[in-house]
Amino acid sequence: MAQPETISAKQLAQRLATGEEFVLLDVREAEELALAALPGVIHLPLSRSQEWLETLPELLSQEKTLVVICHGGIRSWHFGCWLIDTHGYTKVWNLEGGIDAWSVQVDPSLPRY
């Protein structure tokens, strides 16, 4: 099984600061997103996949690097594996430690939950 690359919150913040472009893909639930979110994310909650699954190729370009985000990095890792194995995406990264790591390592003003 192919796996997504791993990127730490600090590495992602540094790369974003230099202008590197990523598609930030948040797979958490709407309630979680309301608590803490990065700007500019594409929100595809896993529990509502029946609503967006058929349009996945239009929603996510295979040409761009995707960084998948969840709360702690587990759901996003599984989703990243699925994108690679099932849909042939090759530029998939998982935010190690999820949004919680971002709150601790990069932006302490972002609420933890």
PDB file of N, CA and C in Angstrom:
ATOM      1  N   MET A   1       0.833  -1.179   0.000  1.00  0.00           N
ATOM      2  CA  MET A   1       0.000   0.000   0.000  1.00  0.00           C
ATOM      3  C   MET A   1       0.881   1.247   0.000  1.00  0.00           C
ATOM      4  N   ALA A   2       0.626   2.130  -0.917  1.00  0.00           N
ATOM      5  CA  ALA A   2       1.358   3.395  -0.973  1.00  0.00           C
ATOM      6  C   ALA A   2       0.896   4.298   0.172  1.00  0.00           C
ATOM      7  N   GLN A   3       1.804   5.138   0.627  1.00  0.00           N
ATOM      8  CA  GLN A   3       1.496   6.013   1.751  1.00  0.00           C
ATOM      9  C   GLN A   3       1.810   7.461   1.401  1.00  0.00           C
ATOM     10  N   PRO A   4       1.093   8.393   2.029  1.00  0.00           N
ATOM     11  CA  PRO A   4       1.410   9.800   1.801  1.00  0.00           C
ATOM     12  C   PRO A   4       2.744  10.169   2.448  1.00  0.00           C
ATOM     13  N   GLU A   5       3.369  11.191   1.905  1.00  0.00           N
ATOM     14  CA  GLU A   5       4.545  11.772   2.551  1.00  0.00           C
ATOM     15  C   GLU A   5       4.081  12.413   3.855  1.00  0.00           C
ATOM     16  N   THR A   6       4.982  12.571   4.794  1.00  0.00           N
ATOM     17  CA  THR A   6       4.661  13.227   6.059  1.00  0.00           C
ATOM     18  C   THR A   6       5.330  14.589   6.091  1.00  0.00           C
ATOM     19  N   ILE A   7       4.585  15.581   6.583  1.00  0.00           N
ATOM     20  CA  ILE A   7       5.153  16.914   6.753  1.00  0.00           C
ATOM     21  C   ILE A   7       4.750  17.415   8.140  1.00  0.00           C
ATOM     22  N   SER A   8       5.702  17.991   8.847  1.00  0.00           N
ATOM     23  CA  SER A   8       5.400  18.522  10.179  1.00  0.00           C
ATOM     24  C   SER A   8       4.740  19.890  10.033  1.00  0.00           C
ATOM     25  N   ALA A   9       4.109  20.322  11.089  1.00  0.00           N
ATOM     26  CA  ALA A   9       3.459  21.630  11.087  1.00  0.00           C
ATOM     27  C   ALA A   9       4.482  22.739  10.829  1.00  0.00           C
ATOM     28  N   LYS A  10       5.642  22.635  11.476  1.00  0.00           N
ATOM     29  CA  LYS A  10       6.679  23.655  11.273  1.00  0.00           C
ATOM     30  C   LYS A  10       7.172  23.673   9.832  1.00  0.00           C
ATOM     31  N   GLN A  11       7.387  22.497   9.247  1.00  0.00           N
ATOM     32  CA  GLN A  11       7.837  22.430   7.854  1.00  0.00           C
ATOM     33  C   GLN A  11       6.798  23.031   6.913  1.00  0.00           C
ATOM     34  N   LEU A  12       5.536  22.699   7.142  1.00  0.00           N
ATOM     35  CA  LEU A  12       4.475  23.244   6.294  1.00  0.00           C
ATOM     36  C   LEU A  12       4.407  24.757   6.424  1.00  0.00           C
ATOM     37  N   ALA A  13       4.482  25.263   7.643  1.00  0.00           N
ATOM     38  CA  ALA A  13       4.434  26.712   7.855  1.00  0.00           C
ATOM     39  C   ALA A  13       5.590  27.410   7.138  1.00  0.00           C
ATOM     40  N   GLN A  14       6.782  26.839   7.226  1.00  0.00           N
ATOM     41  CA  GLN A  14       7.943  27.420   6.556  1.00  0.00           C
ATOM     42  C   GLN A  14       7.768  27.430   5.046  1.00  0.00           C
ATOM     43  N   ARG A  15       7.275  26.339   4.505  1.00  0.00           N
ATOM     44  CA  ARG A  15       7.106  26.235   3.052  1.00  0.00           C
ATOM     45  C   ARG A  15       5.995  27.159   2.566  1.00  0.00           C
ATOM     46  N   LEU A  16       4.917  27.278   3.338  1.00  0.00           N
ATOM     47  CA  LEU A  16       3.862  28.219   2.968  1.00  0.00           C
ATOM     48  C   LEU A  16       4.378  29.657   3.014  1.00  0.00           C
ATOM     49  N   ALA A  17       5.227  29.956   3.999  1.00  0.00           N
ATOM     50  CA  ALA A  17       5.780  31.309   4.140  1.00  0.00           C
ATOM     51  C   ALA A  17       6.665  31.691   2.959  1.00  0.00           C
ATOM     52  N   THR A  18       7.266  30.709   2.307  1.00  0.00           N
ATOM     53  CA  THR A  18       8.113  30.998   1.150  1.00  0.00           C
ATOM     54  C   THR A  18       7.309  31.087  -0.146  1.00  0.00           C
ATOM     55  N   GLY A  19       5.988  30.896  -0.024  1.00  0.00           N
ATOM     56  CA  GLY A  19       5.139  31.016  -1.195  1.00  0.00           C
ATOM     57  C   GLY A  19       4.864  29.712  -1.920  1.00  0.00           C
ATOM     58  N   GLU A  20       5.374  28.605  -1.368  1.00  0.00           N
ATOM     59  CA  GLU A  20       5.099  27.312  -1.996  1.00  0.00           C
ATOM     60  C   GLU A  20       3.596  27.046  -1.931  1.00  0.00           C
ATOM     61  N   GLU A  21       3.064  26.518  -3.003  1.00  0.00           N
ATOM     62  CA  GLU A  21       1.621  26.316  -3.075  1.00  0.00           C
ATOM     63  C   GLU A  21       1.246  24.873  -2.784  1.00  0.00           C
ATOM     64  N   PHE A  22       0.250  24.727  -1.955  1.00  0.00           N
ATOM     65  CA  PHE A  22      -0.318  23.435  -1.604  1.00  0.00           C
ATOM     66  C   PHE A  22      -1.836  23.567  -1.618  1.00  0.00           C
ATOM     67  N   VAL A  23      -2.510  22.470  -1.833  1.00  0.00           N
ATOM     68  CA  VAL A  23      -3.943  22.410  -1.589  1.00  0.00           C
ATOM     69  C   VAL A  23      -4.088  21.830  -0.188  1.00  0.00           C
ATOM     70  N   LEU A  24      -4.643  22.625   0.716  1.00  0.00           N
ATOM     71  CA  LEU A  24      -4.862  22.173   2.078  1.00  0.00           C
ATOM     72  C   LEU A  24      -6.247  21.550   2.136  1.00  0.00           C
ATOM     73  N   LEU A  25      -6.290  20.282   2.450  1.00  0.00           N
ATOM     74  CA  LEU A  25      -7.523  19.504   2.421  1.00  0.00           C
ATOM     75  C   LEU A  25      -7.848  19.033   3.824  1.00  0.00           C
ATOM     76  N   ASP A  26      -8.911  19.568   4.402  1.00  0.00           N
ATOM     77  CA  ASP A  26      -9.290  19.243   5.775  1.00  0.00           C
ATOM     78  C   ASP A  26     -10.434  18.239   5.755  1.00  0.00           C
ATOM     79  N   VAL A  27     -10.229  17.086   6.383  1.00  0.00           N
ATOM     80  CA  VAL A  27     -11.225  16.017   6.366  1.00  0.00           C
ATOM     81  C   VAL A  27     -11.999  15.911   7.685  1.00  0.00           C
ATOM     82  N   ARG A  28     -11.826  16.891   8.549  1.00  0.00           N
ATOM     83  CA  ARG A  28     -12.542  16.859   9.829  1.00  0.00           C
ATOM     84  C   ARG A  28     -14.016  17.221   9.645  1.00  0.00           C
ATOM     85  N   GLU A  29     -14.765  17.047  10.697  1.00  0.00           N
ATOM     86  CA  GLU A  29     -16.189  17.382  10.681  1.00  0.00           C
ATOM     87  C   GLU A  29     -16.371  18.895  10.794  1.00  0.00           C
ATOM     88  N   ALA A  30     -17.528  19.377  10.381  1.00  0.00           N
ATOM     89  CA  ALA A  30     -17.812  20.820  10.395  1.00  0.00           C
ATOM     90  C   ALA A  30     -17.656  21.404  11.797  1.00  0.00           C
ATOM     91  N   GLU A  31     -18.056  20.658  12.806  1.00  0.00           N
ATOM     92  CA  GLU A  31     -17.940  21.130  14.189  1.00  0.00           C
ATOM     93  C   GLU A  31     -16.474  21.331  14.581  1.00  0.00           C
ATOM     94  N   GLU A  32     -15.606  20.452  14.096  1.00  0.00           N
ATOM     95  CA  GLU A  32     -14.179  20.575  14.382  1.00  0.00           C
ATOM     96  C   GLU A  32     -13.589  21.760  13.632  1.00  0.00           C
ATOM     97  N   LEU A  33     -13.994  21.923  12.399  1.00  0.00           N
ATOM     98  CA  LEU A  33     -13.501  23.036  11.591  1.00  0.00           C
ATOM     99  C   LEU A  33     -13.890  24.368  12.226  1.00  0.00           C
ATOM    100  N   ALA A  34     -15.083  24.430  12.818  1.00  0.00           N
ATOM    101  CA  ALA A  34     -15.544  25.657  13.472  1.00  0.00           C
ATOM    102  C   ALA A  34     -14.681  26.003  14.686  1.00  0.00           C
ATOM    103  N   LEU A  35     -14.084  25.005  15.310  1.00  0.00           N
ATOM    104  CA  LEU A  35     -13.245  25.234  16.491  1.00  0.00           C
ATOM    105  C   LEU A  35     -11.860  25.751  16.122  1.00  0.00           C
ATOM    106  N   ALA A  36     -11.281  25.203  15.067  1.00  0.00           N
ATOM    107  CA  ALA A  36      -9.912  25.564  14.683  1.00  0.00           C
ATOM    108  C   ALA A  36      -9.702  25.196  13.222  1.00  0.00           C
ATOM    109  N   ALA A  37      -9.308  26.179  12.431  1.00  0.00           N
ATOM    110  CA  ALA A  37      -9.109  25.903  11.004  1.00  0.00           C
ATOM    111  C   ALA A  37      -7.995  26.770  10.439  1.00  0.00           C
ATOM    112  N   LEU A  38      -7.336  26.244   9.433  1.00  0.00           N
ATOM    113  CA  LEU A  38      -6.365  27.022   8.677  1.00  0.00           C
ATOM    114  C   LEU A  38      -7.112  27.735   7.553  1.00  0.00           C
ATOM    115  N   PRO A  39      -6.681  28.936   7.201  1.00  0.00           N
ATOM    116  CA  PRO A  39      -7.366  29.647   6.115  1.00  0.00           C
ATOM    117  C   PRO A  39      -7.155  28.957   4.767  1.00  0.00           C
ATOM    118  N   GLY A  40      -8.188  29.020   3.949  1.00  0.00           N
ATOM    119  CA  GLY A  40      -8.069  28.542   2.583  1.00  0.00           C
ATOM    120  C   GLY A  40      -8.143  27.047   2.380  1.00  0.00           C
ATOM    121  N   VAL A  41      -8.614  26.304   3.385  1.00  0.00           N
ATOM    122  CA  VAL A  41      -8.692  24.853   3.230  1.00  0.00           C
ATOM    123  C   VAL A  41      -9.892  24.468   2.367  1.00  0.00           C
ATOM    124  N   ILE A  42      -9.753  23.348   1.707  1.00  0.00           N
ATOM    125  CA  ILE A  42     -10.902  22.691   1.084  1.00  0.00           C
ATOM    126  C   ILE A  42     -11.424  21.734   2.133  1.00  0.00           C
ATOM    127  N   HIS A  43     -12.706  21.841   2.432  1.00  0.00           N
ATOM    128  CA  HIS A  43     -13.280  21.025   3.495  1.00  0.00           C
ATOM    129  C   HIS A  43     -14.070  19.878   2.892  1.00  0.00           C
ATOM    130  N   LEU A  44     -13.599  18.660   3.112  1.00  0.00           N
ATOM    131  CA  LEU A  44     -14.286  17.451   2.666  1.00  0.00           C
ATOM    132  C   LEU A  44     -14.440  16.520   3.862  1.00  0.00           C
ATOM    133  N   PRO A  45     -15.484  16.744   4.673  1.00  0.00           N
ATOM    134  CA  PRO A  45     -15.653  15.890   5.858  1.00  0.00           C
ATOM    135  C   PRO A  45     -15.886  14.439   5.464  1.00  0.00           C
ATOM    136  N   LEU A  46     -15.146  13.560   6.087  1.00  0.00           N
ATOM    137  CA  LEU A  46     -15.219  12.142   5.736  1.00  0.00           C
ATOM    138  C   LEU A  46     -16.614  11.561   5.932  1.00  0.00           C
ATOM    139  N   SER A  47     -17.331  11.995   6.961  1.00  0.00           N
ATOM    140  CA  SER A  47     -18.654  11.434   7.225  1.00  0.00           C
ATOM    141  C   SER A  47     -19.682  11.814   6.160  1.00  0.00           C
ATOM    142  N   ARG A  48     -19.350  12.800   5.335  1.00  0.00           N
ATOM    143  CA  ARG A  48     -20.282  13.253   4.296  1.00  0.00           C
ATOM    144  C   ARG A  48     -19.744  12.949   2.904  1.00  0.00           C
ATOM    145  N   SER A  49     -18.918  11.918   2.808  1.00  0.00           N
ATOM    146  CA  SER A  49     -18.271  11.604   1.535  1.00  0.00           C
ATOM    147  C   SER A  49     -19.266  11.304   0.417  1.00  0.00           C
ATOM    148  N   GLN A  50     -20.436  10.803   0.745  1.00  0.00           N
ATOM    149  CA  GLN A  50     -21.427  10.527  -0.284  1.00  0.00           C
ATOM    150  C   GLN A  50     -21.834  11.804  -1.023  1.00  0.00           C
ATOM    151  N   GLU A  51     -21.628  12.958  -0.407  1.00  0.00           N
ATOM    152  CA  GLU A  51     -21.996  14.238  -1.023  1.00  0.00           C
ATOM    153  C   GLU A  51     -20.934  14.745  -1.996  1.00  0.00           C
ATOM    154  N   TRP A  52     -19.681  14.339  -1.825  1.00  0.00           N
ATOM    155  CA  TRP A  52     -18.609  14.877  -2.669  1.00  0.00           C
ATOM    156  C   TRP A  52     -17.794  13.824  -3.417  1.00  0.00           C
ATOM    157  N   LEU A  53     -18.001  12.568  -3.124  1.00  0.00           N
ATOM    158  CA  LEU A  53     -17.165  11.516  -3.692  1.00  0.00           C
ATOM    159  C   LEU A  53     -17.190  11.489  -5.221  1.00  0.00           C
ATOM    160  N   GLU A  54     -18.342  11.626  -5.820  1.00  0.00           N
ATOM    161  CA  GLU A  54     -18.432  11.547  -7.280  1.00  0.00           C
ATOM    162  C   GLU A  54     -17.754  12.723  -7.980  1.00  0.00           C
ATOM    163  N   THR A  55     -17.586  13.834  -7.273  1.00  0.00           N
ATOM    164  CA  THR A  55     -16.963  15.016  -7.872  1.00  0.00           C
ATOM    165  C   THR A  55     -15.504  15.188  -7.449  1.00  0.00           C
ATOM    166  N   LEU A  56     -14.946  14.177  -6.820  1.00  0.00           N
ATOM    167  CA  LEU A  56     -13.569  14.259  -6.334  1.00  0.00           C
ATOM    168  C   LEU A  56     -12.571  14.713  -7.403  1.00  0.00           C
ATOM    169  N   PRO A  57     -12.616  14.167  -8.625  1.00  0.00           N
ATOM    170  CA  PRO A  57     -11.650  14.622  -9.640  1.00  0.00           C
ATOM    171  C   PRO A  57     -11.767  16.115  -9.972  1.00  0.00           C
ATOM    172  N   GLU A  58     -12.965  16.670  -9.866  1.00  0.00           N
ATOM    173  CA  GLU A  58     -13.129  18.105 -10.108  1.00  0.00           C
ATOM    174  C   GLU A  58     -12.678  18.932  -8.905  1.00  0.00           C
ATOM    175  N   LEU A  59     -12.824  18.370  -7.722  1.00  0.00           N
ATOM    176  CA  LEU A  59     -12.472  19.083  -6.498  1.00  0.00           C
ATOM    177  C   LEU A  59     -10.971  19.122  -6.246  1.00  0.00           C
ATOM    178  N   LEU A  60     -10.277  18.032  -6.606  1.00  0.00           N
ATOM    179  CA  LEU A  60      -8.857  17.901  -6.279  1.00  0.00           C
ATOM    180  C   LEU A  60      -8.051  17.563  -7.518  1.00  0.00           C
ATOM    181  N   SER A  61      -7.198  18.470  -7.898  1.00  0.00           N
ATOM    182  CA  SER A  61      -6.330  18.246  -9.051  1.00  0.00           C
ATOM    183  C   SER A  61      -5.230  17.252  -8.694  1.00  0.00           C
ATOM    184  N   GLN A  62      -4.950  16.355  -9.607  1.00  0.00           N
ATOM    185  CA  GLN A  62      -3.844  15.417  -9.393  1.00  0.00           C
ATOM    186  C   GLN A  62      -2.501  16.077  -9.686  1.00  0.00           C
ATOM    187  N   GLU A  63      -2.524  17.265 -10.227  1.00  0.00           N
ATOM    188  CA  GLU A  63      -1.288  17.979 -10.565  1.00  0.00           C
ATOM    189  C   GLU A  63      -0.718  18.750  -9.377  1.00  0.00           C
ATOM    190  N   LYS A  64      -1.541  19.045  -8.396  1.00  0.00           N
ATOM    191  CA  LYS A  64      -1.103  19.854  -7.261  1.00  0.00           C
ATOM    192  C   LYS A  64      -0.804  18.979  -6.055  1.00  0.00           C
ATOM    193  N   THR A  65       0.061  19.477  -5.192  1.00  0.00           N
ATOM    194  CA  THR A  65       0.381  18.755  -3.960  1.00  0.00           C
ATOM    195  C   THR A  65      -0.722  18.981  -2.943  1.00  0.00           C
ATOM    196  N   LEU A  66      -1.273  17.887  -2.433  1.00  0.00           N
ATOM    197  CA  LEU A  66      -2.332  17.941  -1.435  1.00  0.00           C
ATOM    198  C   LEU A  66      -1.736  17.698  -0.057  1.00  0.00           C
ATOM    199  N   VAL A  67      -2.104  18.539   0.898  1.00  0.00           N
ATOM    200  CA  VAL A  67      -1.744  18.301   2.295  1.00  0.00           C
ATOM    201  C   VAL A  67      -3.050  18.017   3.020  1.00  0.00           C
ATOM    202  N   VAL A  68      -3.188  16.786   3.498  1.00  0.00           N
ATOM    203  CA  VAL A  68      -4.422  16.366   4.150  1.00  0.00           C
ATOM    204  C   VAL A  68      -4.296  16.607   5.652  1.00  0.00           C
ATOM    205  N   ILE A  69      -5.367  17.179   6.218  1.00  0.00           N
ATOM    206  CA  ILE A  69      -5.365  17.614   7.615  1.00  0.00           C
ATOM    207  C   ILE A  69      -6.558  17.020   8.355  1.00  0.00           C
ATOM    208  N   CYS A  70      -6.312  16.574   9.574  1.00  0.00           N
ATOM    209  CA  CYS A  70      -7.393  16.208  10.494  1.00  0.00           C
ATOM    210  C   CYS A  70      -6.981  16.714  11.879  1.00  0.00           C
ATOM    211  N   HIS A  71      -7.555  16.172  12.925  1.00  0.00           N
ATOM    212  CA  HIS A  71      -7.210  16.652  14.261  1.00  0.00           C
ATOM    213  C   HIS A  71      -5.825  16.194  14.705  1.00  0.00           C
ATOM    214  N   GLY A  72      -5.533  14.906  14.560  1.00  0.00           N
ATOM    215  CA  GLY A  72      -4.268  14.382  15.069  1.00  0.00           C
ATOM    216  C   GLY A  72      -3.388  13.683  14.049  1.00  0.00           C
ATOM    217  N   GLY A  73      -3.850  13.607  12.809  1.00  0.00           N
ATOM    218  CA  GLY A  73      -3.033  13.015  11.757  1.00  0.00           C
ATOM    219  C   GLY A  73      -3.379  11.590  11.372  1.00  0.00           C
ATOM    220  N   ILE A  74      -4.370  10.996  12.019  1.00  0.00           N
ATOM    221  CA  ILE A  74      -4.723   9.605  11.727  1.00  0.00           C
ATOM    222  C   ILE A  74      -5.728   9.522  10.572  1.00  0.00           C
ATOM    223  N   ARG A  75      -6.853  10.226  10.702  1.00  0.00           N
ATOM    224  CA  ARG A  75      -7.852  10.203   9.622  1.00  0.00           C
ATOM    225  C   ARG A  75      -7.246  10.709   8.320  1.00  0.00           C
ATOM    226  N   SER A  76      -6.440  11.753   8.416  1.00  0.00           N
ATOM    227  CA  SER A  76      -5.832  12.324   7.216  1.00  0.00           C
ATOM    228  C   SER A  76      -4.852  11.344   6.574  1.00  0.00           C
ATOM    229  N   TRP A  77      -4.130  10.591   7.385  1.00  0.00           N
ATOM    230  CA  TRP A  77      -3.202   9.593   6.838  1.00  0.00           C
ATOM    231  C   TRP A  77      -3.971   8.520   6.081  1.00  0.00           C
ATOM    232  N   HIS A  78      -5.053   8.019   6.701  1.00  0.00           N
ATOM    233  CA  HIS A  78      -5.874   6.993   6.039  1.00  0.00           C
ATOM    234  C   HIS A  78      -6.483   7.531   4.742  1.00  0.00           C
ATOM    235  N   PHE A  79      -6.962   8.761   4.783  1.00  0.00           N
ATOM    236  CA  PHE A  79      -7.553   9.353   3.581  1.00  0.00           C
ATOM    237  C   PHE A  79      -6.488   9.535   2.508  1.00  0.00           C
ATOM    238  N   GLY A  80      -5.298   9.950   2.905  1.00  0.00           N
ATOM    239  CA  GLY A  80      -4.200  10.095   1.952  1.00  0.00           C
ATOM    240  C   GLY A  80      -3.851   8.767   1.287  1.00  0.00           C
ATOM    241  N   CYS A  81      -3.798   7.709   2.072  1.00  0.00           N
ATOM    242  CA  CYS A  81      -3.546   6.369   1.515  1.00  0.00           C
ATOM    243  C   CYS A  81      -4.626   6.006   0.510  1.00  0.00           C
ATOM    244  N   TRP A  82      -5.858   6.291   0.854  1.00  0.00           N
ATOM    245  CA  TRP A  82      -6.988   5.988  -0.025  1.00  0.00           C
ATOM    246  C   TRP A  82      -6.894   6.781  -1.329  1.00  0.00           C
ATOM    247  N   LEU A  83      -6.538   8.069  -1.244  1.00  0.00           N
ATOM    248  CA  LEU A  83      -6.383   8.879  -2.456  1.00  0.00           C
ATOM    249  C   LEU A  83      -5.333   8.280  -3.389  1.00  0.00           C
ATOM    250  N   ILE A  84      -4.248   7.831  -2.805  1.00  0.00           N
ATOM    251  CA  ILE A  84      -3.152   7.260  -3.592  1.00  0.00           C
ATOM    252  C   ILE A  84      -3.562   5.920  -4.188  1.00  0.00           C
ATOM    253  N   ASP A  85      -4.064   5.026  -3.350  1.00  0.00           N
ATOM    254  CA  ASP A  85      -4.375   3.659  -3.791  1.00  0.00           C
ATOM    255  C   ASP A  85      -5.600   3.568  -4.691  1.00  0.00           C
ATOM    256  N   THR A  86      -6.620   4.325  -4.380  1.00  0.00           N
ATOM    257  CA  THR A  86      -7.881   4.194  -5.099  1.00  0.00           C
ATOM    258  C   THR A  86      -7.998   5.132  -6.293  1.00  0.00           C
ATOM    259  N   HIS A  87      -7.416   6.311  -6.173  1.00  0.00           N
ATOM    260  CA  HIS A  87      -7.615   7.323  -7.208  1.00  0.00           C
ATOM    261  C   HIS A  87      -6.340   7.740  -7.935  1.00  0.00           C
ATOM    262  N   GLY A  88      -5.219   7.157  -7.566  1.00  0.00           N
ATOM    263  CA  GLY A  88      -3.982   7.402  -8.293  1.00  0.00           C
ATOM    264  C   GLY A  88      -3.307   8.731  -8.047  1.00  0.00           C
ATOM    265  N   TYR A  89      -3.669   9.419  -6.973  1.00  0.00           N
ATOM    266  CA  TYR A  89      -2.972  10.670  -6.644  1.00  0.00           C
ATOM    267  C   TYR A  89      -1.539  10.326  -6.244  1.00  0.00           C
ATOM    268  N   THR A  90      -0.600  11.164  -6.634  1.00  0.00           N
ATOM    269  CA  THR A  90       0.805  10.881  -6.331  1.00  0.00           C
ATOM    270  C   THR A  90       1.444  11.942  -5.447  1.00  0.00           C
ATOM    271  N   LYS A  91       0.842  13.107  -5.362  1.00  0.00           N
ATOM    272  CA  LYS A  91       1.410  14.212  -4.570  1.00  0.00           C
ATOM    273  C   LYS A  91       0.543  14.439  -3.340  1.00  0.00           C
ATOM    274  N   VAL A  92       0.614  13.499  -2.402  1.00  0.00           N
ATOM    275  CA  VAL A  92      -0.222  13.554  -1.209  1.00  0.00           C
ATOM    276  C   VAL A  92       0.670  13.547   0.029  1.00  0.00           C
ATOM    277  N   TRP A  93       0.462  14.541   0.874  1.00  0.00           N
ATOM    278  CA  TRP A  93       1.195  14.642   2.130  1.00  0.00           C
ATOM    279  C   TRP A  93       0.202  14.640   3.276  1.00  0.00           C
ATOM    280  N   ASN A  94       0.638  14.139   4.414  1.00  0.00           N
ATOM    281  CA  ASN A  94      -0.169  14.131   5.622  1.00  0.00           C
ATOM    282  C   ASN A  94       0.457  15.090   6.633  1.00  0.00           C
ATOM    283  N   LEU A  95      -0.377  15.963   7.211  1.00  0.00           N
ATOM    284  CA  LEU A  95       0.112  16.861   8.251  1.00  0.00           C
ATOM    285  C   LEU A  95       0.269  16.055   9.535  1.00  0.00           C
ATOM    286  N   GLU A  96       1.512  15.791   9.889  1.00  0.00           N
ATOM    287  CA  GLU A  96       1.830  14.993  11.070  1.00  0.00           C
ATOM    288  C   GLU A  96       1.324  15.693  12.333  1.00  0.00           C
ATOM    289  N   GLY A  97       0.504  14.994  13.091  1.00  0.00           N
ATOM    290  CA  GLY A  97      -0.036  15.577  14.319  1.00  0.00           C
ATOM    291  C   GLY A  97      -1.252  16.452  14.097  1.00  0.00           C
ATOM    292  N   GLY A  98      -1.616  16.653  12.835  1.00  0.00           N
ATOM    293  CA  GLY A  98      -2.835  17.374  12.492  1.00  0.00           C
ATOM    294  C   GLY A  98      -2.881  18.824  12.947  1.00  0.00           C
ATOM    295  N   ILE A  99      -4.102  19.329  13.028  1.00  0.00           N
ATOM    296  CA  ILE A  99      -4.320  20.722  13.412  1.00  0.00           C
ATOM    297  C   ILE A  99      -3.862  20.953  14.849  1.00  0.00           C
ATOM    298  N   ASP A 100      -3.870  19.905  15.653  1.00  0.00           N
ATOM    299  CA  ASP A 100      -3.402  20.047  17.033  1.00  0.00           C
ATOM    300  C   ASP A 100      -1.918  20.382  17.056  1.00  0.00           C
ATOM    301  N   ALA A 101      -1.134  19.723  16.209  1.00  0.00           N
ATOM    302  CA  ALA A 101       0.303  20.031  16.129  1.00  0.00           C
ATOM    303  C   ALA A 101       0.515  21.454  15.629  1.00  0.00           C
ATOM    304  N   TRP A 102      -0.315  21.896  14.690  1.00  0.00           N
ATOM    305  CA  TRP A 102      -0.210  23.269  14.188  1.00  0.00           C
ATOM    306  C   TRP A 102      -0.423  24.250  15.343  1.00  0.00           C
ATOM    307  N   SER A 103      -1.422  23.982  16.188  1.00  0.00           N
ATOM    308  CA  SER A 103      -1.709  24.854  17.332  1.00  0.00           C
ATOM    309  C   SER A 103      -0.544  24.911  18.311  1.00  0.00           C
ATOM    310  N   VAL A 104       0.131  23.793  18.492  1.00  0.00           N
ATOM    311  CA  VAL A 104       1.238  23.719  19.450  1.00  0.00           C
ATOM    312  C   VAL A 104       2.528  24.277  18.845  1.00  0.00           C
ATOM    313  N   GLN A 105       2.847  23.902  17.625  1.00  0.00           N
ATOM    314  CA  GLN A 105       4.148  24.217  17.029  1.00  0.00           C
ATOM    315  C   GLN A 105       4.202  25.523  16.244  1.00  0.00           C
ATOM    316  N   VAL A 106       3.068  25.961  15.714  1.00  0.00           N
ATOM    317  CA  VAL A 106       3.093  27.105  14.799  1.00  0.00           C
ATOM    318  C   VAL A 106       2.281  28.285  15.303  1.00  0.00           C
ATOM    319  N   ASP A 107       1.035  28.047  15.675  1.00  0.00           N
ATOM    320  CA  ASP A 107       0.128  29.147  16.013  1.00  0.00           C
ATOM    321  C   ASP A 107      -0.636  28.848  17.302  1.00  0.00           C
ATOM    322  N   PRO A 108      -0.060  29.242  18.448  1.00  0.00           N
ATOM    323  CA  PRO A 108      -0.722  28.962  19.729  1.00  0.00           C
ATOM    324  C   PRO A 108      -2.053  29.689  19.903  1.00  0.00           C
ATOM    325  N   SER A 109      -2.339  30.678  19.040  1.00  0.00           N
ATOM    326  CA  SER A 109      -3.630  31.357  19.133  1.00  0.00           C
ATOM    327  C   SER A 109      -4.762  30.512  18.563  1.00  0.00           C
ATOM    328  N   LEU A 110      -4.409  29.473  17.794  1.00  0.00           N
ATOM    329  CA  LEU A 110      -5.414  28.569  17.239  1.00  0.00           C
ATOM    330  C   LEU A 110      -5.858  27.625  18.356  1.00  0.00           C
ATOM    331  N   PRO A 111      -7.141  27.622  18.680  1.00  0.00           N
ATOM    332  CA  PRO A 111      -7.608  26.815  19.822  1.00  0.00           C
ATOM    333  C   PRO A 111      -7.312  25.325  19.652  1.00  0.00           C
ATOM    334  N   ARG A 112      -6.989  24.701  20.781  1.00  0.00           N
ATOM    335  CA  ARG A 112      -6.830  23.246  20.812  1.00  0.00           C
ATOM    336  C   ARG A 112      -8.119  22.646  21.365  1.00  0.00           C
ATOM    337  N   TYR A 113      -8.426  21.471  20.900  1.00  0.00           N
ATOM    338  CA  TYR A 113      -9.634  20.790  21.411  1.00  0.00           C
ATOM    339  C   TYR A 113      -9.360  19.303  21.540  1.00  0.00           C
TER     340      TYR A 113
END
